[in-house]
């Protein structure tokens, strides 16, 4: 029987995936008005402006204060986040929201390999769930032909970064206050993305009015809210199981791409979504994974 904490973590992960899925629509819309790295700079600056003060208050309440470990872990996560988001957003210039959602979801295959390096051993149920989720995501492949575009490859590169990001969160989040950690992460990602803007992407033709709503939605919901939910959930959910649930963002991206951007969605895509959720269920029923001996990565329980 699924415990309350595990169920709460699953609900948080699905909520984060839904917010990211709708975020693909905002990302695709924003690319009509500004460059990809300026968009990332703004969205993460909004997230940092919200969560750094909240994290400061939380640390004061816990009477721990800021320490080097929170800042160090936040900077590492922020660098990986900036890389993944930058590649993904650049790819969104030339690919669709639903296709980008599918390709991003391929990180479900990469997480078990990364997880082993950090001491998280997937269960048989986890691995069976990965297979089901991957087969489901295959059903989202664009059937228009013509091969992969440059944008597709950039988004694929971002999927590698997202896989590493999920595993790092699974290692760091149980040991740190999630609000402070996410805030530092966003600040680092905003600064790194801003540096790329200054060096390679001068905002000479930005349509600020048209970009305002996508940037605001992405900053508030697909960034601040979604990542906070992910960090809180991964205090109780192992990385392989978490990524199966998070991979459902491909389904949400396809659904909202169809509803809001008139992108195609048919029986094949719906069937794929059903398989993805089946994978999540199989992963949960498969039990919790063990920890690889000798890694020292057994997460401490949250306070």
Protein backbone atom coordinates (compact mmCIF):
# COMPACT_ATOMS: atom_id res chain seq x y z
CA UNK A 1 0.00 0.00 0.00
CA UNK A 2 1.32 3.43 -0.93
CA UNK A 3 2.13 5.56 2.11
CA UNK A 4 0.91 9.11 2.59
CA UNK A 5 4.33 10.65 2.05
CA UNK A 6 4.91 8.63 -1.13
CA UNK A 7 1.46 9.55 -2.43
CA UNK A 8 2.04 13.22 -1.64
CA UNK A 9 5.36 13.09 -3.47
CA UNK A 10 3.68 11.50 -6.52
CA UNK A 11 1.01 14.20 -6.62
CA UNK A 12 3.69 16.92 -6.40
CA UNK A 13 5.68 15.32 -9.22
CA UNK A 14 2.64 15.07 -11.48
CA UNK A 15 1.75 18.68 -10.72
CA UNK A 16 5.30 19.74 -11.62
CA UNK A 17 5.09 17.75 -14.87
CA UNK A 18 1.78 19.44 -15.74
CA UNK A 19 3.25 22.89 -15.12
CA UNK A 20 6.28 22.05 -17.28
CA UNK A 21 4.01 20.65 -19.99
CA UNK A 22 2.07 23.90 -20.17
CA UNK A 23 5.40 25.70 -19.95
CA UNK A 24 6.36 24.31 -23.36
CA UNK A 25 3.51 26.33 -24.83
CA UNK A 26 4.79 29.48 -23.12
CA UNK A 27 8.34 28.75 -24.28
CA UNK A 28 7.25 28.22 -27.89
CA UNK A 29 5.18 31.42 -27.83
CA UNK A 30 8.01 33.45 -26.32
CA UNK A 31 10.37 32.48 -29.15
CA UNK A 32 8.27 34.62 -31.49
CA UNK A 33 9.22 37.72 -29.48
CA UNK A 34 12.71 37.26 -27.99
CA UNK A 35 15.85 35.15 -27.99
CA UNK A 36 16.07 31.89 -26.00
CA UNK A 37 18.70 32.94 -23.47
CA UNK A 38 17.04 36.26 -22.68
CA UNK A 39 13.85 34.31 -22.01
CA UNK A 40 15.70 31.98 -19.63
CA UNK A 41 17.40 34.90 -17.90
CA UNK A 42 14.05 36.53 -17.18
CA UNK A 43 12.21 33.39 -16.11
CA UNK A 44 14.94 32.35 -13.66
CA UNK A 45 15.34 35.89 -12.36
CA UNK A 46 11.63 35.85 -11.51
CA UNK A 47 12.04 32.48 -9.78
CA UNK A 48 15.05 33.73 -7.79
CA UNK A 49 13.24 36.93 -6.77
CA UNK A 50 10.43 34.83 -5.30
CA UNK A 51 12.34 31.98 -3.70
CA UNK A 52 15.51 33.59 -2.31
CA UNK A 53 13.55 35.70 0.22
CA UNK A 54 11.30 32.72 0.99
CA UNK A 55 14.36 30.53 1.47
CA UNK A 56 15.93 33.11 3.79
CA UNK A 57 12.82 33.12 5.96
CA UNK A 58 12.71 29.33 6.01
CA UNK A 59 16.36 29.05 7.07
CA UNK A 60 15.75 31.56 9.84
CA UNK A 61 12.80 29.52 11.01
CA UNK A 62 14.91 26.36 10.99
CA UNK A 63 17.70 28.32 12.76
CA UNK A 64 20.31 27.02 10.36
CA UNK A 65 21.10 30.11 8.28
CA UNK A 66 22.90 30.16 4.96
CA UNK A 67 25.91 27.89 4.76
CA UNK A 68 28.44 26.93 2.13
CA UNK A 69 26.78 23.61 1.36
CA UNK A 70 23.46 25.17 0.34
CA UNK A 71 25.22 27.72 -1.86
CA UNK A 72 27.60 25.13 -3.33
CA UNK A 73 24.80 22.69 -4.19
CA UNK A 74 22.63 25.49 -5.56
CA UNK A 75 25.43 26.68 -7.83
CA UNK A 76 26.02 23.16 -9.18
CA UNK A 77 22.31 22.67 -9.82
CA UNK A 78 22.04 26.13 -11.36
CA UNK A 79 24.85 25.40 -13.82
CA UNK A 80 23.22 22.14 -14.95
CA UNK A 81 19.84 23.87 -15.12
CA UNK A 82 21.23 26.72 -17.24
CA UNK A 83 22.78 24.22 -19.65
CA UNK A 84 19.63 22.12 -19.98
CA UNK A 85 17.29 25.09 -20.28
CA UNK A 86 19.57 26.87 -22.74
CA UNK A 87 19.78 23.89 -25.10
CA UNK A 88 16.05 23.24 -24.79
CA UNK A 89 15.04 26.84 -25.37
CA UNK A 90 17.38 27.21 -28.35
CA UNK A 91 15.88 24.06 -29.82
CA UNK A 92 12.36 25.41 -29.36
CA UNK A 93 13.09 27.98 -32.08
CA UNK A 94 12.85 25.29 -34.76
CA UNK A 95 10.75 22.48 -33.26
CA UNK A 96 7.18 22.14 -31.98
CA UNK A 97 6.08 22.17 -28.34
CA UNK A 98 4.76 18.59 -28.49
CA UNK A 99 7.89 17.25 -30.23
CA UNK A 100 10.15 19.06 -27.76
CA UNK A 101 8.11 17.56 -24.92
CA UNK A 102 8.65 14.06 -26.29
CA UNK A 103 12.39 14.48 -26.88
CA UNK A 104 12.88 16.03 -23.45
CA UNK A 105 11.07 13.06 -21.95
CA UNK A 106 13.80 10.75 -23.24
CA UNK A 107 15.73 11.55 -20.05
CA UNK A 108 13.60 8.82 -18.45
CA UNK A 109 16.05 6.35 -20.04
CA UNK A 110 19.16 8.18 -18.84
CA UNK A 111 18.29 8.65 -15.17
CA UNK A 112 18.85 5.03 -14.01
CA UNK A 113 22.43 5.12 -15.37
CA UNK A 114 23.17 8.46 -13.70
CA UNK A 115 21.42 7.31 -10.52
CA UNK A 116 23.75 4.34 -10.12
CA UNK A 117 26.71 6.72 -10.07
CA UNK A 118 25.15 8.48 -7.06
CA UNK A 119 24.19 5.34 -5.16
CA UNK A 120 20.51 4.94 -6.08
CA UNK A 121 19.81 1.38 -7.25
CA UNK A 122 16.61 1.08 -9.34
CA UNK A 123 14.21 -1.77 -8.52
CA UNK A 124 12.82 -4.17 -11.12
CA UNK A 125 9.57 -2.23 -10.89
CA UNK A 126 11.43 1.01 -11.63
CA UNK A 127 13.06 -0.50 -14.71
CA UNK A 128 9.78 -2.01 -15.93
CA UNK A 129 8.18 1.41 -15.49
CA UNK A 130 10.98 2.98 -17.52
CA UNK A 131 10.29 0.58 -20.40
CA UNK A 132 6.55 1.30 -20.35
CA UNK A 133 7.13 5.05 -20.12
CA UNK A 134 9.60 4.97 -23.00
CA UNK A 135 7.26 2.96 -25.24
CA UNK A 136 4.54 5.46 -24.40
CA UNK A 137 6.78 8.37 -25.34
CA UNK A 138 7.67 6.70 -28.65
CA UNK A 139 4.03 7.09 -29.62
CA UNK A 140 4.52 10.87 -29.52
CA UNK A 141 7.08 10.82 -32.34
CA UNK A 142 6.29 13.23 -35.14
CA UNK A 143 5.15 11.20 -38.14
CA UNK A 144 5.76 13.99 -40.65
CA UNK A 145 9.14 12.56 -41.76
CA UNK A 146 12.18 14.52 -42.79
CA UNK A 147 14.46 13.39 -39.94
CA UNK A 148 15.60 15.30 -36.92
CA UNK A 149 16.19 19.04 -37.12
CA UNK A 150 18.96 21.00 -35.43
CA UNK A 151 16.37 22.01 -32.85
CA UNK A 152 15.58 18.36 -32.13
CA UNK A 153 19.24 17.62 -31.43
CA UNK A 154 19.55 20.64 -29.15
CA UNK A 155 16.52 19.47 -27.18
CA UNK A 156 18.03 15.98 -27.00
CA UNK A 157 21.18 17.50 -25.51
CA UNK A 158 19.00 19.21 -22.93
CA UNK A 159 17.47 15.83 -22.00
CA UNK A 160 20.93 14.60 -20.96
CA UNK A 161 21.29 17.64 -18.70
CA UNK A 162 17.80 17.11 -17.24
CA UNK A 163 18.64 13.50 -16.38
CA UNK A 164 21.72 14.61 -14.47
CA UNK A 165 19.67 17.38 -12.83
CA UNK A 166 17.03 14.94 -11.55
CA UNK A 167 19.66 12.67 -10.02
CA UNK A 168 21.53 15.56 -8.42
CA UNK A 169 18.27 16.78 -6.86
CA UNK A 170 17.64 13.28 -5.51
CA UNK A 171 21.04 13.42 -3.82
CA UNK A 172 20.98 17.03 -2.57
CA UNK A 173 17.33 17.83 -1.81
CA UNK A 174 16.93 15.47 1.19
CA UNK A 175 19.87 17.17 2.92
CA UNK A 176 19.04 20.85 2.28
CA UNK A 177 16.06 23.16 2.67
CA UNK A 178 14.39 22.93 -0.76
CA UNK A 179 13.24 26.55 -0.92
CA UNK A 180 16.70 27.99 -0.30
CA UNK A 181 18.33 25.45 -2.62
CA UNK A 182 15.93 26.23 -5.48
CA UNK A 183 16.41 29.96 -4.95
CA UNK A 184 20.20 29.72 -5.25
CA UNK A 185 19.78 27.46 -8.27
CA UNK A 186 17.61 30.02 -10.04
CA UNK A 187 19.98 32.88 -9.24
CA UNK A 188 22.90 30.93 -10.70
CA UNK A 189 20.92 29.94 -13.80
CA UNK A 190 19.78 33.55 -14.35
CA UNK A 191 23.33 34.89 -14.08
CA UNK A 192 24.77 32.27 -16.44
CA UNK A 193 21.98 32.77 -18.98
CA UNK A 194 22.42 36.54 -18.71
CA UNK A 195 26.14 36.17 -19.45
CA UNK A 196 25.28 34.29 -22.66
CA UNK A 197 22.88 37.08 -23.62
CA UNK A 198 25.58 39.73 -23.19
CA UNK A 199 28.13 37.74 -25.18
CA UNK A 200 26.08 36.16 -27.96
CA UNK A 201 22.48 37.36 -27.96
CA UNK A 202 22.05 41.15 -27.93
CA UNK A 203 18.33 41.92 -27.49
CA UNK A 204 18.05 44.17 -30.55
CA UNK A 205 14.57 43.17 -31.66
CA UNK A 206 12.71 42.14 -28.51
CA UNK A 207 8.92 42.54 -28.57
CA UNK A 208 8.44 43.07 -24.86
CA UNK A 209 4.67 43.37 -24.89
CA UNK A 210 4.17 40.11 -26.77
CA UNK A 211 6.68 38.28 -24.56
CA UNK A 212 5.33 39.55 -21.22
CA UNK A 213 2.66 36.88 -20.65
CA UNK A 214 4.81 33.84 -21.63
CA UNK A 215 7.69 35.11 -19.50
CA UNK A 216 5.43 35.79 -16.49
CA UNK A 217 3.72 32.40 -16.73
CA UNK A 218 6.99 30.54 -17.14
CA UNK A 219 8.70 32.44 -14.31
CA UNK A 220 5.88 32.03 -11.81
CA UNK A 221 4.47 28.60 -12.59
CA UNK A 222 6.77 26.54 -14.86
CA UNK A 223 9.82 27.74 -12.91
CA UNK A 224 9.20 28.85 -9.30
CA UNK A 225 6.21 26.61 -8.54
CA UNK A 226 7.19 23.54 -10.59
CA UNK A 227 10.80 23.27 -9.42
CA UNK A 228 9.81 23.81 -5.79
CA UNK A 229 7.31 20.97 -6.09
CA UNK A 230 9.99 18.77 -7.65
CA UNK A 231 12.54 19.47 -4.92
CA UNK A 232 10.00 18.86 -2.15
CA UNK A 233 8.78 15.64 -3.76
CA UNK A 234 12.25 14.22 -4.31
CA UNK A 235 12.88 14.30 -0.59
CA UNK A 236 10.64 11.21 -0.53
CA UNK A 237 10.78 9.84 -4.11
CA UNK A 238 13.84 8.03 -5.52
CA UNK A 239 15.23 9.47 -8.79
CA UNK A 240 14.21 6.64 -11.15
CA UNK A 241 10.62 6.63 -9.94
CA UNK A 242 10.50 10.43 -9.90
CA UNK A 243 11.65 10.72 -13.49
CA UNK A 244 8.94 8.35 -14.73
CA UNK A 245 6.29 10.60 -13.23
CA UNK A 246 8.05 13.74 -14.47
CA UNK A 247 8.25 12.28 -17.98
CA UNK A 248 4.47 12.74 -18.21
CA UNK A 249 5.28 16.35 -19.08
CA UNK A 250 5.49 15.03 -22.68
CA UNK A 251 1.80 14.14 -22.45
CA UNK A 252 0.89 17.51 -20.96
CA UNK A 253 2.99 19.31 -23.60
CA UNK A 254 1.19 17.46 -26.38
CA UNK A 255 -2.26 18.09 -24.91
CA UNK A 256 -1.73 21.81 -24.35
CA UNK A 257 0.12 22.16 -27.66
CA UNK A 258 -3.00 20.74 -29.29
CA UNK A 259 -5.40 22.93 -27.28
CA UNK A 260 -3.50 26.23 -27.49
CA UNK A 261 -1.21 25.99 -30.51
CA UNK A 262 -3.31 23.73 -32.78
CA UNK A 263 -0.61 21.06 -32.86
CA UNK A 264 -1.80 17.55 -33.73
CA UNK A 265 -2.89 15.06 -31.07
CA UNK A 266 -4.54 11.74 -31.95
CA UNK A 267 -5.27 8.24 -30.71
CA UNK A 268 -1.59 7.33 -30.90
CA UNK A 269 -0.59 10.14 -28.57
CA UNK A 270 -3.41 9.38 -26.13
CA UNK A 271 -2.38 5.71 -26.06
CA UNK A 272 1.18 6.79 -25.35
CA UNK A 273 -0.01 8.85 -22.40
CA UNK A 274 -1.84 5.84 -20.98
CA UNK A 275 1.35 3.77 -21.18
CA UNK A 276 3.33 6.51 -19.45
CA UNK A 277 0.95 6.58 -16.51
CA UNK A 278 0.98 2.76 -16.43
CA UNK A 279 4.76 2.98 -16.17
CA UNK A 280 4.45 5.30 -13.21
CA UNK A 281 2.08 2.88 -11.46
CA UNK A 282 4.32 -0.13 -12.09
CA UNK A 283 7.29 1.82 -10.79
CA UNK A 284 5.47 2.65 -7.55
CA UNK A 285 4.23 -0.89 -6.97
CA UNK A 286 7.74 -2.19 -7.58
CA UNK A 287 8.92 -0.93 -4.18
CA UNK A 288 11.65 1.43 -3.10
CA UNK A 289 15.21 0.99 -4.37
CA UNK A 290 18.23 0.09 -2.30
CA UNK A 291 21.40 2.12 -2.03
CA UNK A 292 24.64 1.03 -3.66
CA UNK A 293 27.05 0.03 -0.92
CA UNK A 294 29.96 2.30 -0.24
CA UNK A 295 28.72 5.45 -1.95
CA UNK A 296 27.67 7.30 1.16
CA UNK A 297 24.64 8.65 -0.68
CA UNK A 298 21.85 7.25 1.46
CA UNK A 299 19.56 10.28 1.79
CA UNK A 300 18.81 11.51 5.26
CA UNK A 301 15.12 11.78 6.15
CA UNK A 302 13.59 15.24 6.02
CA UNK A 303 13.13 16.98 9.36
